[in-house]
Amino acid sequence: MDIVLLTHQNWGIETINAILKTNHKIVRVYTHPSGMDKHKKSWHKSVKNHCEELKIPVVERNNLTERDIPELKKIPIDLIFSVHWRRLLPKSIISLPKKGSINIHPALLPKYRGSSPINWTIINGEKETGITIHFIDENADTGNIILQKKIDIESLDTAFDIYKKTIILYPSMITEVLDLIESDNYQVVNQKNLKGFFCSKRFPSDGKIDWNQDRESINNLIRGLSDPYPNAFFFFNEKKILVKKAKLIEDDFRGPPGRICARKDGGIIVSCGTKFSENQSLFISEIEVNGQIYKADNFFTKLWEDLK
């Protein structure tokens, strides 16, 4: 099949490499300009550079509109494949390919449609997630499901851990779905018959910790916003403190939400909001302040000394 690929970041690199190992052909790649994800530039590779090295035709676009149709009609297209493309496609483009248009989404649809699904699954304390490949319709992630695979979320997994578990499955799933579509040998699940929901885009400001929440919820927020994503944070004496590493511990501390209760193993124990009859403690071991990484105990010890 002749494939037009809409993609960006490492997801796109893995997809391109996987397709090149099949008998299918990438006739053109559309990718977003790197400036669309400024905070992720440091850990995502350039699809444009990768395509240029492989001599695959590549075009940078914020989105595709009906104005692109004349150009698309000049090339053979059996399938449009969207892999983490950030924009909805008009129906006139969706219907162009002979075999249809498909999308890959890192969640178990119909749950977690929309933006930042990996982060949201961790923040919401889910025990499993997955990958869904589905046909594209005019809405976000609501088309008929072709293929799904589940991924377990362990108690210590961060968003980056799930990202790694997810992307490693992309090559095999991509190969499988392309073969299914080429042979017309697949059955779909109609999402209109399933109850699902959309999750909103996340912004760095959403990471502010509310110490009145219970310790599990706060720990999930920290896990869900782990490096290289913008971290969860709080303010202490007008200093913005990014939380790099934290975990739940059995040491039973209780007190007002947000109170630093103790120092331990290079970190600090902070009480979170819940019933006073329950353990409220969250252990924070590593933080970042003004671009500098600190062991939490060392930073707050020095801060207290400076305040004397």
Protein backbone atom coordinates (compact mmCIF):
# COMPACT_ATOMS: atom_id res chain seq x y z
CA MET A 1 0.00 0.00 0.00
CA ASP A 2 1.01 3.60 -0.61
CA ILE A 3 0.83 5.42 2.72
CA VAL A 4 0.67 9.09 3.63
CA LEU A 5 1.90 9.39 7.19
CA LEU A 6 0.89 12.24 9.52
CA THR A 7 3.15 12.17 12.54
CA HIS A 8 5.79 13.78 14.74
CA GLN A 9 8.27 13.14 17.56
CA ASN A 10 9.67 9.73 18.52
CA TRP A 11 6.32 8.12 17.78
CA GLY A 12 6.86 9.06 14.14
CA ILE A 13 10.42 7.75 14.08
CA GLU A 14 9.29 4.33 15.33
CA THR A 15 6.40 4.25 12.85
CA ILE A 16 8.57 5.14 9.87
CA ASN A 17 11.15 2.50 10.79
CA ALA A 18 8.42 -0.12 11.23
CA ILE A 19 6.76 0.60 7.88
CA LEU A 20 10.11 0.50 6.07
CA LYS A 21 10.47 -3.13 7.19
CA THR A 22 7.22 -4.09 5.44
CA ASN A 23 6.24 -4.26 1.77
CA HIS A 24 4.30 -1.00 2.14
CA LYS A 25 5.59 2.35 0.91
CA ILE A 26 5.59 5.76 2.57
CA VAL A 27 4.87 8.19 -0.26
CA ARG A 28 4.85 11.31 1.90
CA VAL A 29 5.19 12.36 5.53
CA TYR A 30 3.55 15.39 7.08
CA THR A 31 5.02 16.43 10.41
CA HIS A 32 4.44 19.29 12.83
CA PRO A 33 7.09 22.03 13.18
CA SER A 34 9.28 21.42 16.23
CA GLY A 35 8.13 24.69 17.78
CA MET A 36 4.69 23.23 18.51
CA ASP A 37 6.10 21.34 21.52
CA LYS A 38 8.76 23.58 22.97
CA HIS A 39 9.11 21.80 26.31
CA LYS A 40 9.57 18.42 24.59
CA LYS A 41 12.31 19.36 22.14
CA SER A 42 14.99 18.03 24.47
CA TRP A 43 13.82 14.40 24.30
CA HIS A 44 11.97 14.04 21.02
CA LYS A 45 13.80 13.41 17.77
CA SER A 46 12.98 15.27 14.56
CA VAL A 47 10.78 13.42 12.08
CA LYS A 48 11.77 15.92 9.41
CA ASN A 49 15.49 15.19 9.87
CA HIS A 50 14.84 11.45 9.92
CA CYS A 51 12.87 11.60 6.66
CA GLU A 52 15.51 13.72 4.96
CA GLU A 53 18.19 11.20 5.92
CA LEU A 54 16.05 8.39 4.46
CA LYS A 55 15.09 10.48 1.40
CA ILE A 56 11.37 10.24 2.21
CA PRO A 57 9.33 13.26 1.01
CA VAL A 58 8.44 15.30 4.08
CA VAL A 59 6.43 18.49 4.63
CA GLU A 60 6.01 20.50 7.83
CA ARG A 61 2.45 21.55 8.64
CA ASN A 62 0.55 22.75 11.69
CA ASN A 63 -2.52 21.08 10.21
CA LEU A 64 -4.00 19.80 6.96
CA THR A 65 -7.00 21.54 5.40
CA GLU A 66 -9.04 21.33 2.22
CA ARG A 67 -6.45 23.58 0.58
CA ASP A 68 -4.05 20.60 0.68
CA ILE A 69 -6.37 18.33 -1.31
CA PRO A 70 -5.11 19.30 -4.80
CA GLU A 71 -1.56 18.43 -3.75
CA LEU A 72 -2.66 15.16 -2.10
CA LYS A 73 -4.51 14.12 -5.25
CA LYS A 74 -1.25 14.27 -7.19
CA ILE A 75 0.18 11.27 -5.30
CA PRO A 76 -1.08 7.67 -4.96
CA ILE A 77 -2.73 7.14 -1.56
CA ASP A 78 -4.09 3.82 -0.35
CA LEU A 79 -4.04 4.78 3.33
CA ILE A 80 -3.63 7.84 5.53
CA PHE A 81 -2.01 6.89 8.85
CA SER A 82 -2.13 9.39 11.73
CA VAL A 83 0.39 8.76 14.50
CA HIS A 84 0.14 11.43 17.21
CA TRP A 85 -0.96 14.06 14.72
CA ARG A 86 -2.29 16.97 16.79
CA ARG A 87 -5.10 18.23 14.54
CA LEU A 88 -8.47 16.90 13.37
CA LEU A 89 -8.77 16.17 9.65
CA PRO A 90 -11.64 17.41 7.46
CA LYS A 91 -13.95 14.75 6.04
CA SER A 92 -12.76 15.58 2.51
CA ILE A 93 -9.23 14.42 3.42
CA ILE A 94 -10.32 11.46 5.55
CA SER A 95 -12.23 10.03 2.58
CA LEU A 96 -9.41 10.42 0.02
CA PRO A 97 -7.54 7.09 0.45
CA LYS A 98 -8.81 3.86 -1.08
CA LYS A 99 -8.38 1.90 2.16
CA GLY A 100 -9.42 4.69 4.53
CA SER A 101 -7.69 6.73 7.20
CA ILE A 102 -6.51 5.32 10.54
CA ASN A 103 -5.08 6.64 13.78
CA ILE A 104 -3.07 5.16 16.65
CA HIS A 105 -3.90 6.36 20.17
CA PRO A 106 -2.03 5.47 23.42
CA ALA A 107 -5.08 4.59 25.51
CA LEU A 108 -7.82 1.97 25.71
CA LEU A 109 -10.56 3.70 23.77
CA PRO A 110 -13.30 4.68 24.30
CA LYS A 111 -11.74 5.86 27.58
CA TYR A 112 -9.20 8.69 27.48
CA ARG A 113 -10.03 10.10 24.08
CA GLY A 114 -8.31 13.37 23.33
CA SER A 115 -5.12 14.89 24.69
CA SER A 116 -2.43 13.66 27.12
CA PRO A 117 -3.93 10.19 27.71
CA ILE A 118 -0.75 8.71 29.20
CA ASN A 119 -0.50 11.46 31.80
CA TRP A 120 -4.20 11.31 32.65
CA THR A 121 -4.23 7.53 33.18
CA ILE A 122 -1.46 7.84 35.79
CA ILE A 123 -2.97 10.93 37.44
CA ASN A 124 -6.32 9.16 37.74
CA GLY A 125 -4.75 6.09 39.34
CA GLU A 126 -5.62 3.61 36.58
CA LYS A 127 -4.23 0.08 36.81
CA GLU A 128 -4.11 -0.53 33.07
CA THR A 129 -3.93 1.37 29.81
CA GLY A 130 -3.11 0.38 26.26
CA ILE A 131 -2.94 1.21 22.56
CA THR A 132 -5.83 1.51 20.14
CA ILE A 133 -5.71 1.67 16.34
CA HIS A 134 -8.97 2.91 14.83
CA PHE A 135 -10.45 4.41 11.70
CA ILE A 136 -10.63 8.20 11.67
CA ASP A 137 -13.92 10.05 11.60
CA GLU A 138 -14.57 13.77 12.01
CA ASN A 139 -14.26 13.68 15.82
CA ALA A 140 -11.28 12.95 18.06
CA ASP A 141 -10.61 9.23 18.62
CA THR A 142 -14.22 8.10 18.04
CA GLY A 143 -13.88 6.00 14.87
CA ASN A 144 -14.35 2.23 14.64
CA ILE A 145 -11.69 0.25 16.55
CA ILE A 146 -9.54 -2.15 14.52
CA LEU A 147 -6.92 -3.31 17.03
CA GLN A 148 -6.16 -2.93 20.75
CA LYS A 149 -3.51 -4.09 23.19
CA LYS A 150 -3.50 -3.65 26.97
CA ILE A 151 -0.60 -2.49 29.17
CA ASP A 152 -0.44 -2.95 32.94
CA ILE A 153 0.34 0.09 35.07
CA GLU A 154 2.47 -0.86 38.08
CA SER A 155 2.28 1.10 41.34
CA LEU A 156 5.65 2.81 40.79
CA ASP A 157 5.25 3.45 37.06
CA THR A 158 5.61 7.05 35.95
CA ALA A 159 4.19 8.60 32.80
CA PHE A 160 7.58 8.15 31.14
CA ASP A 161 7.58 4.45 32.09
CA ILE A 162 4.21 4.04 30.37
CA TYR A 163 5.45 6.01 27.37
CA LYS A 164 8.33 3.49 27.04
CA LYS A 165 6.00 0.50 27.51
CA THR A 166 3.70 1.94 24.87
CA ILE A 167 6.13 2.93 22.15
CA ILE A 168 7.92 -0.41 22.22
CA LEU A 169 4.67 -2.05 21.03
CA TYR A 170 4.15 0.32 18.11
CA PRO A 171 6.21 -1.57 15.48
CA SER A 172 4.42 -4.91 15.91
CA MET A 173 0.97 -3.32 16.05
CA ILE A 174 1.66 -1.16 13.00
CA THR A 175 2.83 -4.18 10.98
CA GLU A 176 -0.22 -6.17 12.08
CA VAL A 177 -2.78 -3.50 11.28
CA LEU A 178 -1.30 -2.71 7.86
CA ASP A 179 -1.51 -6.37 6.89
CA LEU A 180 -5.11 -6.56 8.12
CA ILE A 181 -6.13 -3.50 6.15
CA GLU A 182 -4.33 -4.54 2.97
CA SER A 183 -6.11 -7.90 3.01
CA ASP A 184 -9.45 -6.45 4.18
CA ASN A 185 -9.29 -9.13 6.87
CA TYR A 186 -10.47 -7.33 9.98
CA GLN A 187 -13.52 -6.74 12.13
CA VAL A 188 -14.23 -3.42 13.80
CA VAL A 189 -15.80 -2.39 17.09
CA ASN A 190 -18.17 0.53 16.72
CA GLN A 191 -17.36 3.07 19.43
CA LYS A 192 -20.84 4.58 19.17
CA ASN A 193 -22.03 1.55 21.13
CA LEU A 194 -19.42 2.10 23.87
CA LYS A 195 -19.45 4.55 26.74
CA GLY A 196 -16.31 6.69 26.75
CA PHE A 197 -15.02 10.13 27.61
CA PHE A 198 -12.60 12.81 26.47
CA CYS A 199 -9.67 14.17 28.46
CA SER A 200 -8.55 17.75 28.08
CA LYS A 201 -5.15 19.03 27.12
CA ARG A 202 -2.84 19.55 30.07
CA PHE A 203 -0.83 22.73 30.70
CA PRO A 204 2.21 23.15 32.99
CA SER A 205 0.11 25.23 35.40
CA ASP A 206 -2.17 22.21 35.97
CA GLY A 207 0.67 20.57 37.89
CA LYS A 208 0.29 22.68 41.04
CA ILE A 209 -0.06 20.40 44.06
CA ASP A 210 -3.10 20.83 46.30
CA TRP A 211 -1.93 19.49 49.65
CA ASN A 212 -5.56 19.13 50.77
CA GLN A 213 -5.86 16.13 48.46
CA ASP A 214 -5.08 12.65 49.80
CA ARG A 215 -1.54 11.33 49.49
CA GLU A 216 -2.41 8.77 46.78
CA SER A 217 -3.84 11.48 44.52
CA ILE A 218 -0.83 13.74 45.03
CA ASN A 219 1.58 10.89 44.39
CA ASN A 220 -0.31 10.01 41.19
CA LEU A 221 -0.03 13.63 40.03
CA ILE A 222 3.74 13.55 40.60
CA ARG A 223 4.06 10.20 38.77
CA GLY A 224 1.89 11.46 35.92
CA LEU A 225 4.05 14.55 35.44
CA SER A 226 7.45 12.92 35.82
CA ASP A 227 10.44 13.91 33.68
CA PRO A 228 10.58 14.73 30.85
CA TYR A 229 7.07 16.16 31.23
CA PRO A 230 6.59 19.45 33.12
CA ASN A 231 6.68 18.39 36.75
CA ALA A 232 4.18 18.75 39.58
CA PHE A 233 5.13 21.67 41.82
CA PHE A 234 4.35 23.71 44.91
CA PHE A 235 5.49 27.02 46.34
CA PHE A 236 7.53 27.42 49.54
CA ASN A 237 8.55 30.89 50.73
CA GLU A 238 7.74 32.20 47.23
CA LYS A 239 10.08 29.65 45.64
CA LYS A 240 8.64 27.33 42.99
CA ILE A 241 9.60 23.76 43.91
CA LEU A 242 9.37 21.11 41.17
CA VAL A 243 8.95 17.59 42.53
CA LYS A 244 11.18 15.17 40.64
CA LYS A 245 10.82 12.02 42.76
CA ALA A 246 8.33 11.00 45.47
CA LYS A 247 6.68 7.86 46.82
CA LEU A 248 4.24 6.59 49.41
CA ILE A 249 5.83 5.22 52.58
CA GLU A 250 4.62 3.32 55.63
CA ASP A 251 5.99 5.86 58.15
CA ASP A 252 2.79 7.13 59.76
CA PHE A 253 2.83 10.93 59.96
CA ARG A 254 -0.21 13.14 60.39
CA GLY A 255 -0.69 16.87 60.47
CA PRO A 256 -1.95 19.92 58.59
CA PRO A 257 -1.85 19.46 54.80
CA GLY A 258 1.43 20.69 53.35
CA ARG A 259 3.37 20.50 56.62
CA ILE A 260 6.95 19.17 56.44
CA CYS A 261 6.89 16.59 59.24
CA ALA A 262 10.34 15.01 59.12
CA ARG A 263 13.56 14.43 57.23
CA LYS A 264 14.60 10.95 56.16
CA ASP A 265 17.14 9.33 53.81
CA GLY A 266 17.96 12.61 52.07
CA GLY A 267 14.32 13.50 51.61
CA ILE A 268 11.41 15.07 53.45
CA ILE A 269 8.05 13.73 54.63
CA VAL A 270 5.07 15.99 53.93
CA SER A 271 1.59 15.49 55.36
CA CYS A 272 -1.25 15.46 52.87
CA GLY A 273 -4.95 16.02 53.35
CA THR A 274 -7.11 13.10 54.52
CA LYS A 275 -8.76 11.84 57.69
CA PHE A 276 -6.47 12.40 60.67
CA SER A 277 -7.04 8.74 61.61
CA GLU A 278 -5.05 7.65 58.53
CA ASN A 279 -1.44 7.90 57.41
CA GLN A 280 -0.99 11.23 55.60
CA SER A 281 2.70 11.01 54.70
CA LEU A 282 4.31 11.48 51.29
CA PHE A 283 8.07 11.09 50.92
CA ILE A 284 9.75 13.55 48.53
CA SER A 285 13.35 12.71 47.72
CA GLU A 286 14.34 14.97 44.83
CA ILE A 287 13.31 18.47 43.79
CA GLU A 288 14.30 21.16 41.32
CA VAL A 289 14.55 24.89 42.08
CA ASN A 290 15.58 27.46 39.46
CA GLY A 291 16.96 24.73 37.20
CA GLN A 292 19.07 23.11 39.94
CA ILE A 293 18.43 19.56 41.19
CA TYR A 294 18.58 18.98 44.96
CA LYS A 295 18.03 16.22 47.45
CA ALA A 296 14.97 17.53 49.22
CA ASP A 297 16.49 17.26 52.71
CA ASN A 298 19.61 19.23 51.74
CA PHE A 299 17.64 22.04 50.12
CA PHE A 300 15.18 22.56 52.96
CA THR A 301 17.88 22.25 55.62
CA LYS A 302 19.84 25.05 53.95
CA LEU A 303 16.65 27.06 53.45
CA TRP A 304 15.77 26.82 57.14
CA GLU A 305 19.29 27.87 58.11
CA ASP A 306 19.07 30.91 55.82
CA LEU A 307 15.77 31.88 57.42
CA LYS A 308 17.21 31.92 60.96
